[in-house]
Amino acid sequence: MTNESTGVRNIFTIANGLTYARLVLLPFVIVGLVTDNGWLVVGAMFLAWFTDLLDGKFARRAGPPTAFGKALDSTVDFAFIYCLFIAFYAAGRLATYQFAFLYLAMITILSLQLFLTGTGRDEEVATTRLGKPTGALQYAYLLFLAALEVLPPENAIIATVHGVYFIVLAVAIVANSVECILVMRNIVRTAEND
């Protein structure tokens, strides 16, 4: 068996198929938003969340994670999360200040990834200590926003939970953004000293 056929087989895995499924589900969430079909939003988001849980389990069962699988999962999650935040904002489900915080998260992590690429560390996926928890908070926030599509409007308890959750998310985003900037600064300092 050639290395090329082994490489192709490592790309076409159940785990990678589940990861790609999130990209297939993305338009369903967006269509649900723009057509005010809350159950389509909830159903597609649930399936996306489920594929996100399963892809890692299948990848670990198949053996050591591949660079392609890690990069694919990271890229698809990034595209899925931020495309949906843009869609929720465009559909009027997020206030401008909320979208500004979410956009800050996207810009700083993307900047760190581009920065790593510019330093010859193309294979690395941009990470920070706060990156995973902040990403998890953002994903959970998307699930919460999806649930709001079918929950009763104007509920005081839901509004309070939404407000408190967003404050926690905003603090995490700012902290992670600062960490991204510090990582980029350290890379520059290291490069200057070499």
C-alpha atoms as a PDB file:
ATOM      1  CA  MET A   1       0.000   0.000   0.000  1.00  0.00           C
ATOM      2  CA  THR A   2       1.392   3.408  -0.912  1.00  0.00           C
ATOM      3  CA  ASN A   3       1.706   6.346   1.431  1.00  0.00           C
ATOM      4  CA  GLU A   4      -0.702   8.223  -0.807  1.00  0.00           C
ATOM      5  CA  SER A   5      -3.513   5.669  -0.384  1.00  0.00           C
ATOM      6  CA  THR A   6      -2.861   5.523   3.361  1.00  0.00           C
ATOM      7  CA  GLY A   7      -3.114   9.324   3.503  1.00  0.00           C
ATOM      8  CA  VAL A   8      -6.396   9.317   1.601  1.00  0.00           C
ATOM      9  CA  ARG A   9      -7.783   6.621   3.904  1.00  0.00           C
ATOM     10  CA  ASN A  10      -6.793   8.764   6.905  1.00  0.00           C
ATOM     11  CA  ILE A  11      -8.802  11.660   5.471  1.00  0.00           C
ATOM     12  CA  PHE A  12     -11.987   9.706   4.728  1.00  0.00           C
ATOM     13  CA  THR A  13     -12.824   8.614   8.259  1.00  0.00           C
ATOM     14  CA  ILE A  14     -16.036   8.509  10.257  1.00  0.00           C
ATOM     15  CA  ALA A  15     -14.677  11.230  12.543  1.00  0.00           C
ATOM     16  CA  ASN A  16     -13.901  13.551   9.635  1.00  0.00           C
ATOM     17  CA  GLY A  17     -17.307  12.785   8.094  1.00  0.00           C
ATOM     18  CA  LEU A  18     -18.992  13.826  11.335  1.00  0.00           C
ATOM     19  CA  THR A  19     -16.915  16.994  11.352  1.00  0.00           C
ATOM     20  CA  TYR A  20     -17.954  17.799   7.766  1.00  0.00           C
ATOM     21  CA  ALA A  21     -21.577  17.183   8.749  1.00  0.00           C
ATOM     22  CA  ARG A  22     -21.522  20.442  10.704  1.00  0.00           C
ATOM     23  CA  LEU A  23     -20.876  22.298   7.461  1.00  0.00           C
ATOM     24  CA  VAL A  24     -23.871  20.517   5.904  1.00  0.00           C
ATOM     25  CA  LEU A  25     -26.037  21.518   8.883  1.00  0.00           C
ATOM     26  CA  LEU A  26     -24.936  25.174   8.845  1.00  0.00           C
ATOM     27  CA  PRO A  27     -27.324  26.293   6.064  1.00  0.00           C
ATOM     28  CA  PHE A  28     -30.246  24.585   7.827  1.00  0.00           C
ATOM     29  CA  VAL A  29     -29.669  26.687  10.949  1.00  0.00           C
ATOM     30  CA  ILE A  30     -29.403  29.844   8.841  1.00  0.00           C
ATOM     31  CA  VAL A  31     -32.554  29.029   6.835  1.00  0.00           C
ATOM     32  CA  GLY A  32     -34.382  28.357  10.099  1.00  0.00           C
ATOM     33  CA  LEU A  33     -33.311  31.767  11.377  1.00  0.00           C
ATOM     34  CA  VAL A  34     -34.316  33.756   8.317  1.00  0.00           C
ATOM     35  CA  THR A  35     -37.647  31.933   7.946  1.00  0.00           C
ATOM     36  CA  ASP A  36     -38.430  32.095  11.691  1.00  0.00           C
ATOM     37  CA  ASN A  37     -38.570  28.303  11.861  1.00  0.00           C
ATOM     38  CA  GLY A  38     -37.298  27.859  15.409  1.00  0.00           C
ATOM     39  CA  TRP A  39     -37.604  24.085  15.404  1.00  0.00           C
ATOM     40  CA  LEU A  40     -35.391  23.823  12.321  1.00  0.00           C
ATOM     41  CA  VAL A  41     -32.795  25.950  14.147  1.00  0.00           C
ATOM     42  CA  VAL A  42     -33.012  23.781  17.262  1.00  0.00           C
ATOM     43  CA  GLY A  43     -32.950  20.495  15.345  1.00  0.00           C
ATOM     44  CA  ALA A  44     -29.983  21.437  13.163  1.00  0.00           C
ATOM     45  CA  MET A  45     -28.067  22.866  16.138  1.00  0.00           C
ATOM     46  CA  PHE A  46     -28.726  19.712  18.165  1.00  0.00           C
ATOM     47  CA  LEU A  47     -27.433  17.540  15.330  1.00  0.00           C
ATOM     48  CA  ALA A  48     -24.367  19.788  14.942  1.00  0.00           C
ATOM     49  CA  TRP A  49     -23.651  19.569  18.665  1.00  0.00           C
ATOM     50  CA  PHE A  50     -24.098  15.796  18.547  1.00  0.00           C
ATOM     51  CA  THR A  51     -21.635  15.442  15.640  1.00  0.00           C
ATOM     52  CA  ASP A  52     -19.171  17.596  17.575  1.00  0.00           C
ATOM     53  CA  LEU A  53     -19.395  15.231  20.536  1.00  0.00           C
ATOM     54  CA  LEU A  54     -19.048  12.123  18.398  1.00  0.00           C
ATOM     55  CA  ASP A  55     -16.238  13.123  16.030  1.00  0.00           C
ATOM     56  CA  GLY A  56     -13.668  13.240  18.825  1.00  0.00           C
ATOM     57  CA  LYS A  57     -14.774   9.865  20.197  1.00  0.00           C
ATOM     58  CA  PHE A  58     -14.440   8.227  16.779  1.00  0.00           C
ATOM     59  CA  ALA A  59     -11.098   9.927  16.163  1.00  0.00           C
ATOM     60  CA  ARG A  60      -9.663   8.652  19.470  1.00  0.00           C
ATOM     61  CA  ARG A  61     -10.889   5.113  18.753  1.00  0.00           C
ATOM     62  CA  ALA A  62      -9.168   5.139  15.361  1.00  0.00           C
ATOM     63  CA  GLY A  63      -5.773   5.777  16.929  1.00  0.00           C
ATOM     64  CA  PRO A  64      -3.584   8.795  17.411  1.00  0.00           C
ATOM     65  CA  PRO A  65      -5.131  11.998  16.063  1.00  0.00           C
ATOM     66  CA  THR A  66      -3.945  13.103  12.642  1.00  0.00           C
ATOM     67  CA  ALA A  67      -2.803  16.633  11.850  1.00  0.00           C
ATOM     68  CA  PHE A  68      -5.484  16.763   9.152  1.00  0.00           C
ATOM     69  CA  GLY A  69      -8.228  15.732  11.587  1.00  0.00           C
ATOM     70  CA  LYS A  70      -7.175  18.305  14.171  1.00  0.00           C
ATOM     71  CA  ALA A  71      -6.974  21.080  11.579  1.00  0.00           C
ATOM     72  CA  LEU A  72     -10.300  20.059  10.015  1.00  0.00           C
ATOM     73  CA  ASP A  73     -12.117  20.020  13.363  1.00  0.00           C
ATOM     74  CA  SER A  74     -10.668  23.370  14.365  1.00  0.00           C
ATOM     75  CA  THR A  75     -11.433  24.981  11.000  1.00  0.00           C
ATOM     76  CA  VAL A  76     -14.983  23.644  10.777  1.00  0.00           C
ATOM     77  CA  ASP A  77     -15.745  24.669  14.373  1.00  0.00           C
ATOM     78  CA  PHE A  78     -14.385  28.142  13.672  1.00  0.00           C
ATOM     79  CA  ALA A  79     -16.430  28.528  10.480  1.00  0.00           C
ATOM     80  CA  PHE A  80     -19.571  27.043  12.043  1.00  0.00           C
ATOM     81  CA  ILE A  81     -19.499  29.148  15.197  1.00  0.00           C
ATOM     82  CA  TYR A  82     -18.708  32.496  13.615  1.00  0.00           C
ATOM     83  CA  CYS A  83     -20.941  32.035  10.562  1.00  0.00           C
ATOM     84  CA  LEU A  84     -23.789  31.406  12.942  1.00  0.00           C
ATOM     85  CA  PHE A  85     -22.990  34.385  15.144  1.00  0.00           C
ATOM     86  CA  ILE A  86     -23.046  36.530  12.007  1.00  0.00           C
ATOM     87  CA  ALA A  87     -26.367  34.926  10.988  1.00  0.00           C
ATOM     88  CA  PHE A  88     -27.909  35.468  14.436  1.00  0.00           C
ATOM     89  CA  TYR A  89     -26.806  39.103  14.313  1.00  0.00           C
ATOM     90  CA  ALA A  90     -28.089  39.609  10.758  1.00  0.00           C
ATOM     91  CA  ALA A  91     -31.415  38.038  11.780  1.00  0.00           C
ATOM     92  CA  GLY A  92     -31.708  40.551  14.638  1.00  0.00           C
ATOM     93  CA  ARG A  93     -31.225  38.022  17.438  1.00  0.00           C
ATOM     94  CA  LEU A  94     -28.073  39.686  18.827  1.00  0.00           C
ATOM     95  CA  ALA A  95     -27.532  43.280  19.876  1.00  0.00           C
ATOM     96  CA  THR A  96     -24.661  45.150  18.250  1.00  0.00           C
ATOM     97  CA  TYR A  97     -22.645  45.219  21.488  1.00  0.00           C
ATOM     98  CA  GLN A  98     -23.027  41.427  21.811  1.00  0.00           C
ATOM     99  CA  PHE A  99     -21.918  40.900  18.245  1.00  0.00           C
ATOM    100  CA  ALA A 100     -18.936  43.213  18.840  1.00  0.00           C
ATOM    101  CA  PHE A 101     -17.658  40.955  21.646  1.00  0.00           C
ATOM    102  CA  LEU A 102     -18.191  37.832  19.545  1.00  0.00           C
ATOM    103  CA  TYR A 103     -16.470  39.454  16.592  1.00  0.00           C
ATOM    104  CA  LEU A 104     -13.527  40.379  18.839  1.00  0.00           C
ATOM    105  CA  ALA A 105     -13.164  36.688  19.698  1.00  0.00           C
ATOM    106  CA  MET A 106     -13.124  35.770  16.020  1.00  0.00           C
ATOM    107  CA  ILE A 107     -10.644  38.470  15.025  1.00  0.00           C
ATOM    108  CA  THR A 108      -8.132  37.734  17.782  1.00  0.00           C
ATOM    109  CA  ILE A 109      -8.022  33.954  17.301  1.00  0.00           C
ATOM    110  CA  LEU A 110      -7.875  34.350  13.523  1.00  0.00           C
ATOM    111  CA  SER A 111      -5.088  36.909  13.912  1.00  0.00           C
ATOM    112  CA  LEU A 112      -3.128  34.513  16.121  1.00  0.00           C
ATOM    113  CA  GLN A 113      -3.564  31.721  13.543  1.00  0.00           C
ATOM    114  CA  LEU A 114      -2.405  33.982  10.707  1.00  0.00           C
ATOM    115  CA  PHE A 115       0.465  35.185  12.857  1.00  0.00           C
ATOM    116  CA  LEU A 116       1.621  31.607  13.460  1.00  0.00           C
ATOM    117  CA  THR A 117       1.443  30.939   9.725  1.00  0.00           C
ATOM    118  CA  GLY A 118       3.579  34.002   9.071  1.00  0.00           C
ATOM    119  CA  THR A 119       6.263  32.692  11.425  1.00  0.00           C
ATOM    120  CA  GLY A 120       6.615  29.369   9.626  1.00  0.00           C
ATOM    121  CA  ARG A 121       4.553  27.483  12.195  1.00  0.00           C
ATOM    122  CA  ASP A 122       1.900  26.642   9.588  1.00  0.00           C
ATOM    123  CA  GLU A 123       1.136  23.215  11.065  1.00  0.00           C
ATOM    124  CA  GLU A 124       0.107  24.616  14.440  1.00  0.00           C
ATOM    125  CA  VAL A 125      -3.491  25.350  15.345  1.00  0.00           C
ATOM    126  CA  ALA A 126      -3.688  28.594  17.288  1.00  0.00           C
ATOM    127  CA  THR A 127      -4.397  27.836  20.936  1.00  0.00           C
ATOM    128  CA  THR A 128      -4.280  29.639  24.230  1.00  0.00           C
ATOM    129  CA  ARG A 129      -4.918  28.455  27.767  1.00  0.00           C
ATOM    130  CA  LEU A 130      -8.303  30.182  27.731  1.00  0.00           C
ATOM    131  CA  GLY A 131      -9.113  29.228  24.138  1.00  0.00           C
ATOM    132  CA  LYS A 132     -10.884  25.917  24.777  1.00  0.00           C
ATOM    133  CA  PRO A 133     -13.037  27.173  27.681  1.00  0.00           C
ATOM    134  CA  THR A 134     -13.909  30.341  25.764  1.00  0.00           C
ATOM    135  CA  GLY A 135     -14.761  28.308  22.674  1.00  0.00           C
ATOM    136  CA  ALA A 136     -16.943  25.989  24.759  1.00  0.00           C
ATOM    137  CA  LEU A 137     -18.756  28.994  26.231  1.00  0.00           C
ATOM    138  CA  GLN A 138     -19.343  30.344  22.727  1.00  0.00           C
ATOM    139  CA  TYR A 139     -20.657  27.005  21.471  1.00  0.00           C
ATOM    140  CA  ALA A 140     -22.975  26.732  24.475  1.00  0.00           C
ATOM    141  CA  TYR A 141     -24.132  30.285  23.794  1.00  0.00           C
ATOM    142  CA  LEU A 142     -25.049  29.270  20.246  1.00  0.00           C
ATOM    143  CA  LEU A 143     -27.083  26.386  21.674  1.00  0.00           C
ATOM    144  CA  PHE A 144     -28.760  28.837  24.058  1.00  0.00           C
ATOM    145  CA  LEU A 145     -29.528  31.233  21.183  1.00  0.00           C
ATOM    146  CA  ALA A 146     -31.033  28.309  19.248  1.00  0.00           C
ATOM    147  CA  ALA A 147     -33.187  27.381  22.251  1.00  0.00           C
ATOM    148  CA  LEU A 148     -34.411  30.982  22.438  1.00  0.00           C
ATOM    149  CA  GLU A 149     -35.947  30.435  19.004  1.00  0.00           C
ATOM    150  CA  VAL A 150     -38.580  28.141  20.556  1.00  0.00           C
ATOM    151  CA  LEU A 151     -38.767  29.359  24.166  1.00  0.00           C
ATOM    152  CA  PRO A 152     -41.516  31.785  25.156  1.00  0.00           C
ATOM    153  CA  PRO A 153     -40.540  35.388  24.418  1.00  0.00           C
ATOM    154  CA  GLU A 154     -40.416  38.009  27.150  1.00  0.00           C
ATOM    155  CA  ASN A 155     -39.687  35.592  29.990  1.00  0.00           C
ATOM    156  CA  ALA A 156     -37.908  37.408  32.849  1.00  0.00           C
ATOM    157  CA  ILE A 157     -35.990  34.353  34.061  1.00  0.00           C
ATOM    158  CA  ILE A 158     -34.727  33.522  30.579  1.00  0.00           C
ATOM    159  CA  ALA A 159     -33.752  37.171  30.025  1.00  0.00           C
ATOM    160  CA  THR A 160     -31.797  37.202  33.309  1.00  0.00           C
ATOM    161  CA  VAL A 161     -29.999  33.955  32.489  1.00  0.00           C
ATOM    162  CA  HIS A 162     -29.199  35.325  29.030  1.00  0.00           C
ATOM    163  CA  GLY A 163     -27.785  38.554  30.476  1.00  0.00           C
ATOM    164  CA  VAL A 164     -25.649  36.837  33.114  1.00  0.00           C
ATOM    165  CA  TYR A 165     -24.390  34.218  30.669  1.00  0.00           C
ATOM    166  CA  PHE A 166     -23.417  36.870  28.169  1.00  0.00           C
ATOM    167  CA  ILE A 167     -21.465  38.817  30.818  1.00  0.00           C
ATOM    168  CA  VAL A 168     -19.491  35.655  31.671  1.00  0.00           C
ATOM    169  CA  LEU A 169     -18.907  35.023  27.952  1.00  0.00           C
ATOM    170  CA  ALA A 170     -17.808  38.625  27.330  1.00  0.00           C
ATOM    171  CA  VAL A 171     -15.282  38.467  30.190  1.00  0.00           C
ATOM    172  CA  ALA A 172     -13.909  35.168  28.836  1.00  0.00           C
ATOM    173  CA  ILE A 173     -13.636  36.649  25.330  1.00  0.00           C
ATOM    174  CA  VAL A 174     -11.752  39.711  26.543  1.00  0.00           C
ATOM    175  CA  ALA A 175      -9.399  37.584  28.669  1.00  0.00           C
ATOM    176  CA  ASN A 176      -8.735  35.191  25.767  1.00  0.00           C
ATOM    177  CA  SER A 177      -8.207  38.109  23.383  1.00  0.00           C
ATOM    178  CA  VAL A 178      -5.632  39.608  25.731  1.00  0.00           C
ATOM    179  CA  GLU A 179      -3.926  36.211  25.934  1.00  0.00           C
ATOM    180  CA  CYS A 180      -3.842  35.978  22.108  1.00  0.00           C
ATOM    181  CA  ILE A 181      -2.218  39.401  21.907  1.00  0.00           C
ATOM    182  CA  LEU A 182       0.356  38.434  24.542  1.00  0.00           C
ATOM    183  CA  VAL A 183       1.192  35.213  22.663  1.00  0.00           C
ATOM    184  CA  MET A 184       1.729  37.216  19.461  1.00  0.00           C
ATOM    185  CA  ARG A 185       3.909  39.695  21.344  1.00  0.00           C
ATOM    186  CA  ASN A 186       6.007  36.849  22.786  1.00  0.00           C
ATOM    187  CA  ILE A 187       6.476  35.371  19.315  1.00  0.00           C
ATOM    188  CA  VAL A 188       7.750  38.731  18.067  1.00  0.00           C
ATOM    189  CA  ARG A 189      10.125  39.065  21.027  1.00  0.00           C
ATOM    190  CA  THR A 190      11.440  35.540  20.495  1.00  0.00           C
ATOM    191  CA  ALA A 191      11.982  36.209  16.788  1.00  0.00           C
ATOM    192  CA  GLU A 192      13.827  39.459  17.570  1.00  0.00           C
ATOM    193  CA  ASN A 193      16.129  37.673  20.025  1.00  0.00           C
ATOM    194  CA  ASP A 194      17.036  34.922  17.504  1.00  0.00           C
END
